Each structure stands twice: as structure tokens, then as C-alpha cells.
Protein backbone atom coordinates (compact mmCIF):
# COMPACT_ATOMS: atom_id res chain seq x y z
CA UNK A 1 36.47 56.18 57.33
CA UNK A 2 34.53 59.91 56.10
CA UNK A 3 30.80 58.84 56.05
CA UNK A 4 29.01 58.54 52.88
CA UNK A 5 27.10 61.92 51.64
CA UNK A 6 23.78 61.55 51.40
CA UNK A 7 21.67 63.65 48.85
CA UNK A 8 18.02 64.06 48.28
CA UNK A 9 17.08 63.12 44.79
CA UNK A 10 13.80 63.72 42.91
CA UNK A 11 11.88 60.28 42.37
CA UNK A 12 11.28 61.42 38.73
CA UNK A 13 15.13 60.92 37.94
CA UNK A 14 15.45 57.87 39.47
CA UNK A 15 15.16 54.58 37.26
CA UNK A 16 14.41 50.77 38.42
CA UNK A 17 17.30 48.59 39.37
CA UNK A 18 18.74 47.00 35.89
CA UNK A 19 17.99 43.78 37.27
CA UNK A 20 14.60 43.30 39.13
CA UNK A 21 15.30 40.85 42.28
CA UNK A 22 11.74 39.43 42.42
CA UNK A 23 8.76 39.20 39.80
CA UNK A 24 6.56 40.79 42.64
CA UNK A 25 7.04 42.74 45.90
CA UNK A 26 4.69 41.39 48.62
CA UNK A 27 1.72 44.32 49.14
CA UNK A 28 1.44 43.63 52.61
CA UNK A 29 5.01 44.44 53.62
CA UNK A 30 5.42 47.08 51.27
CA UNK A 31 2.37 48.41 52.95
CA UNK A 32 4.19 47.98 56.44
CA UNK A 33 7.59 49.63 54.78
CA UNK A 34 5.24 52.79 53.73
CA UNK A 35 3.91 52.58 56.82
CA UNK A 36 7.34 52.57 58.99
CA UNK A 37 8.85 55.34 56.74
CA UNK A 38 6.05 57.64 56.89
CA UNK A 39 5.95 57.66 61.11
CA UNK A 40 9.89 57.32 61.26
CA UNK A 41 11.30 58.59 58.09
CA UNK A 42 13.64 56.88 55.87
CA UNK A 43 16.25 55.13 58.06
CA UNK A 44 18.59 53.67 55.08
CA UNK A 45 18.96 55.91 52.56
CA UNK A 46 19.10 54.20 49.13
CA UNK A 47 21.66 53.58 46.86
CA UNK A 48 21.88 54.82 43.17
CA UNK A 49 24.40 55.23 40.51
CA UNK A 50 24.54 58.00 37.62
CA UNK A 51 23.57 57.43 34.39
CA UNK A 52 23.07 59.81 31.63
CA UNK A 53 21.79 62.34 33.90
CA UNK A 54 19.85 59.89 36.00
CA UNK A 55 20.24 57.47 38.20
CA UNK A 56 19.95 53.76 38.63
CA UNK A 57 18.77 51.78 41.76
CA UNK A 58 21.61 49.58 42.93
CA UNK A 59 19.87 49.41 46.59
CA UNK A 60 16.85 49.82 47.79
CA UNK A 61 14.17 49.22 45.63
CA UNK A 62 11.01 48.70 47.76
CA UNK A 63 12.12 51.92 49.76
CA UNK A 64 11.83 53.49 46.55
CA UNK A 65 8.61 52.07 45.57
CA UNK A 66 7.22 52.88 49.34
CA UNK A 67 8.00 56.81 48.70
CA UNK A 68 6.23 56.55 45.36
CA UNK A 69 3.15 54.89 47.45
CA UNK A 70 3.30 57.75 49.82
CA UNK A 71 3.32 60.53 46.74
CA UNK A 72 7.13 61.37 48.09
CA UNK A 73 8.42 63.34 45.49
CA UNK A 74 12.26 63.32 46.65
CA UNK A 75 14.21 60.51 48.89
CA UNK A 76 17.61 60.54 50.61
CA UNK A 77 20.29 58.64 48.77
CA UNK A 78 23.89 57.97 48.82
CA UNK A 79 25.40 58.48 45.12
CA UNK A 80 27.84 55.23 44.39
CA UNK A 81 30.87 55.52 41.99
CA UNK A 82 30.16 52.08 40.45
CA UNK A 83 30.27 50.36 36.87
CA UNK A 84 27.12 48.57 36.17
CA UNK A 85 28.65 45.20 36.71
CA UNK A 86 29.55 46.28 39.98
CA UNK A 87 26.28 47.73 41.09
CA UNK A 88 24.60 44.45 39.90
CA UNK A 89 26.66 42.41 42.05
CA UNK A 90 26.18 44.69 45.04
CA UNK A 91 22.06 44.33 44.17
CA UNK A 92 22.36 40.83 44.07
CA UNK A 93 24.63 40.58 47.52
CA UNK A 94 21.76 42.79 49.29
CA UNK A 95 19.11 40.91 48.18
CA UNK A 96 20.46 37.85 49.01
CA UNK A 97 20.62 38.43 52.50
CA UNK A 98 16.96 40.31 52.30
CA UNK A 99 15.11 39.49 50.25
CA UNK A 100 14.86 35.26 51.41
CA UNK A 101 15.06 34.62 47.49
CA UNK A 102 14.61 31.14 46.46
CA UNK A 103 17.45 28.73 45.03
CA UNK A 104 15.85 28.83 41.12
CA UNK A 105 15.69 32.99 42.06
CA UNK A 106 19.56 33.14 42.75
CA UNK A 107 20.23 30.91 39.73
CA UNK A 108 18.07 33.29 37.52
CA UNK A 109 19.87 36.22 38.95
CA UNK A 110 23.58 34.66 38.57
CA UNK A 111 23.06 33.58 34.84
CA UNK A 112 22.02 37.11 34.56
CA UNK A 113 25.37 38.48 35.78
CA UNK A 114 27.33 35.41 33.57
CA UNK A 115 25.84 36.05 30.34
CA UNK A 116 23.85 39.63 30.41
CA UNK A 117 26.52 41.24 32.20
CA UNK A 118 29.59 38.96 31.34
CA UNK A 119 30.78 38.54 34.63
CA UNK A 120 32.84 35.42 35.40
CA UNK A 121 32.18 32.95 38.34
CA UNK A 122 35.09 33.71 40.27
CA UNK A 123 34.23 37.67 40.22
CA UNK A 124 30.71 36.63 41.07
CA UNK A 125 31.62 34.72 43.63
CA UNK A 126 34.06 37.17 45.31
CA UNK A 127 31.41 39.96 44.80
CA UNK A 128 28.95 37.96 46.73
CA UNK A 129 31.35 36.25 49.24
CA UNK A 130 30.23 32.76 48.39
CA UNK A 131 32.66 30.12 47.00
CA UNK A 132 32.89 29.37 43.38
CA UNK A 133 31.27 25.81 43.99
CA UNK A 134 28.40 27.79 45.52
CA UNK A 135 27.79 30.12 42.17
CA UNK A 136 28.23 27.09 39.75
CA UNK A 137 26.00 24.84 41.45
CA UNK A 138 23.24 27.72 41.71
CA UNK A 139 24.04 28.21 37.81
CA UNK A 140 23.48 24.64 37.44
CA UNK A 141 19.96 24.69 38.54
CA UNK A 142 18.76 26.36 35.16
CA UNK A 143 19.90 23.27 33.12
CA UNK A 144 17.37 20.89 35.27
CA UNK A 145 13.99 20.09 33.36
CA UNK A 146 11.51 22.73 33.92
CA UNK A 147 8.94 20.37 36.22
CA UNK A 148 12.36 19.99 38.62
CA UNK A 149 12.60 23.74 38.40
CA UNK A 150 8.95 24.58 39.32
CA UNK A 151 8.83 22.04 42.46
CA UNK A 152 11.94 23.74 43.21
CA UNK A 153 10.86 27.47 43.29
CA UNK A 154 7.23 26.48 44.85
CA UNK A 155 9.54 24.54 47.46
CA UNK A 156 7.61 21.16 46.84
CA UNK A 157 11.26 19.64 47.07
CA UNK A 158 14.38 20.82 49.13
CA UNK A 159 17.41 21.93 47.03
CA UNK A 160 19.05 18.56 48.03
CA UNK A 161 16.15 16.63 46.85
CA UNK A 162 16.34 18.46 43.63
CA UNK A 163 19.63 17.41 43.10
CA UNK A 164 19.48 13.92 43.51
CA UNK A 165 16.21 13.67 41.43
CA UNK A 166 18.01 15.90 38.58
CA UNK A 167 19.85 12.44 37.50
CA UNK A 168 16.31 11.13 36.72
CA UNK A 169 16.16 11.48 32.99
CA UNK A 170 13.16 9.55 32.00
CA UNK A 171 10.36 12.32 32.00
CA UNK A 172 7.69 10.10 32.88
CA UNK A 173 9.68 8.81 35.82
CA UNK A 174 10.40 12.20 37.10
CA UNK A 175 6.72 13.34 36.88
CA UNK A 176 5.80 10.48 39.24
CA UNK A 177 8.15 11.23 41.54
CA UNK A 178 7.42 15.00 41.88
CA UNK A 179 3.70 13.84 42.21
CA UNK A 180 4.87 11.98 45.18
CA UNK A 181 6.31 14.58 46.22
CA UNK A 182 3.00 17.16 45.96
CA UNK A 183 1.22 14.65 47.61
CA UNK A 184 3.15 13.23 50.58
CA UNK A 185 6.38 15.57 50.68
CA UNK A 186 9.93 14.36 49.86
CA UNK A 187 12.96 13.71 52.02
CA UNK A 188 16.48 13.37 50.71
CA UNK A 189 16.26 9.81 51.41
CA UNK A 190 13.13 9.39 49.77
CA UNK A 191 14.54 11.01 46.61
CA UNK A 192 17.87 9.07 46.62
CA UNK A 193 15.09 6.04 46.63
CA UNK A 194 13.32 7.30 43.51
CA UNK A 195 16.88 7.77 41.93
CA UNK A 196 17.67 3.92 42.89
CA UNK A 197 14.04 2.96 41.23
CA UNK A 198 15.14 4.67 38.35
CA UNK A 199 18.40 3.05 37.76
CA UNK A 200 16.40 -0.68 38.52
CA UNK A 201 14.10 0.94 35.60
CA UNK A 202 16.58 1.64 33.43
CA UNK A 203 18.17 -1.78 33.76
CA UNK A 204 15.15 -3.47 32.93
CA UNK A 205 14.63 -1.96 29.82
CA UNK A 206 18.27 -2.41 29.08
CA UNK A 207 17.24 -6.08 29.06
CA UNK A 208 14.22 -5.45 26.39
CA UNK A 209 11.89 -5.71 29.43
CA UNK A 210 8.94 -2.88 29.70
CA UNK A 211 8.65 -2.23 33.17
CA UNK A 212 6.30 0.09 35.03
CA UNK A 213 6.95 2.98 36.55
CA UNK A 214 8.03 2.56 40.40
CA UNK A 215 4.71 2.28 42.76
CA UNK A 216 5.04 5.92 45.21
CA UNK A 217 4.19 3.44 47.93
CA UNK A 218 7.06 0.72 47.56
CA UNK A 219 9.37 3.83 47.23
CA UNK A 220 8.05 5.40 50.16
CA UNK A 221 8.35 1.84 51.86
CA UNK A 222 12.03 1.46 50.79
CA UNK A 223 13.10 4.67 51.76
CA UNK A 224 12.34 3.75 55.10
CA UNK A 225 14.80 1.13 54.99
CA UNK A 226 18.73 1.51 55.25
CA UNK A 227 21.55 -1.60 54.65
CA UNK A 228 22.71 -3.92 57.34
CA UNK A 229 26.21 -3.76 57.80
CA UNK A 230 26.88 -7.28 58.07
CA UNK A 231 24.27 -8.92 55.74
CA UNK A 232 23.37 -6.18 53.66
CA UNK A 233 19.43 -6.95 53.62
CA UNK A 234 17.79 -3.79 53.37
CA UNK A 235 15.82 -3.31 56.87
CA UNK A 236 13.67 -0.79 58.47
CA UNK A 237 15.35 2.00 60.27
CA UNK A 238 13.60 1.86 63.46
CA UNK A 239 14.49 -1.77 64.09
CA UNK A 240 18.65 -1.45 63.79
CA UNK A 241 20.61 -0.99 66.24
CA UNK A 242 24.11 1.01 67.03
CA UNK A 243 26.78 -0.98 68.51
CA UNK A 244 29.80 0.34 70.23
CA UNK A 245 32.42 -1.76 69.13
CA UNK A 246 36.54 -1.18 68.59
CA UNK A 247 37.83 -1.89 65.54
CA UNK A 248 39.38 -5.24 66.92
CA UNK A 249 36.02 -6.84 67.73
CA UNK A 250 34.53 -5.07 64.29
CA UNK A 251 37.32 -7.25 62.63
CA UNK A 252 36.68 -10.44 64.38
CA UNK A 253 32.78 -10.17 64.05
CA UNK A 254 33.17 -9.45 60.27
CA UNK A 255 35.56 -12.23 60.02
CA UNK A 256 32.95 -14.52 61.36
CA UNK A 257 30.07 -13.49 59.13
CA UNK A 258 31.82 -12.84 56.23
CA UNK A 259 34.68 -15.44 56.38
CA UNK A 260 35.37 -15.38 52.36
CA UNK A 261 36.15 -11.37 52.48
């Protein structure tokens, strides 16, 4: 394969990326990168796309900014023959693996490709090397309530917990759950219990009752329980035992404890 041609381009002719993949850059990481470039030079040229006599950055925005901080006038670059949509997909793919984006940042970028660039989900999935389900699930994050999005972006809750909590449609109930997550943290099991409590809350309201919001300590206690396979009682996980049992004995034991099933 023929190696790409590397050109030296004036920084004055380069425009920022069409899509900024981070709201801000880590100042310390940027200083470290500039120091490395000052000592060793630029190891990986940036990638540019020609546009109206100028160039748009496809990949390497941080390297470009580091050159600006070093008061360099030119930068090594590979000039790509790519459409704007292809360039955006390339930039997103690079940064998904290099920038450690949060799920919500990934969702915002995919939404930009869907709505701003007119790409369809299968095209984005192929460009990123992800499944169609991954693309659609990320895009769905932007339909979550703002408070839930903020908690996910801040790292207060995990993606798995956020998906569960998105089933809680009552704002006050969700706010109580998110406050518990900020105070005590939240596992996926905790989130599942909050959803269960919300369902009980909705059932009580449907009967005309005025139930109180769940007590976070009660939810935490219930989340530490599991269901007994035989009597279906809620018992604490740390008092349960795993059994080695064959199917024949299991059927006999089930028949003995549940004769009517």
C-alpha cells in the first residue's frame, strides 16, 4: 500500500473541526502534548480535508491547538479526499477510542451525524465499527429527562443504571432516586429496586391512595435482597446459599414444596 503523502500546511489556512468532540480540552494534557511535540516533533500528522481553498480538521485537533500554543506557523498533515459526512464519521471514530467520551457525549455526536449531517443509523454503525443497536441506544439517551442525563454525564450513575431509571416517569420519584445515587452511590441492583418501588407507587396511586415517595434507606435495604427460588420470599443475599442439584432432584424438591404447581 502506498504511504500517505505528508504536506506541511500553514496554521492560518486551517479551520477547527466541523464537530467539536469535547466542550473543553484538559489544560494539563494539552501542555504535556505541547512539551512532547517541542522535544520530539509531531509523530502523527493531523488529517485535513480541503474546503474552499482552506482545510478543515478531520483528526488531530489537540495536536493543532498544541502547535498554536507553541507559536508554530506550520504543521505536518495528511490531506484526505473525503466528504464532510465521511470526515465527521472518521473524526468521531478516532475520538471514541482516544478521548474516552462519556455515553452522553457519544449520544450528542451521533445525534449530530443523524440530524445535522443526514446520515442514517446503519451508515453511522458501519463507519464506527459498532452495531446498529449500539448507535440507536446511544441516540436514545438524549430522550432521557435532563436530570437523568446530567447524572449520567457527571458519572453519578452508570449507563446500565440510567437505562433502568429511565423507566421512572414521575419527576419527584426520579429526583429522590438521583439524590440517593449522589449520596450513597447506585448499583444496577439499586436502580432495579427503585424501578420496582416506582411501579408499586404507581399501583397505589391508581387505587386513589396518596403514597409517599420511597425511603432511600428502605430501597437500599430491599436492593440487598434476592428472591428465594422456593418460597419466593425476599431474603438478604448474604444469607442465601447455592446448591449443587441435578434436574431430577430439583423437580422432586419443587414438587414437595409446591405440590399445586
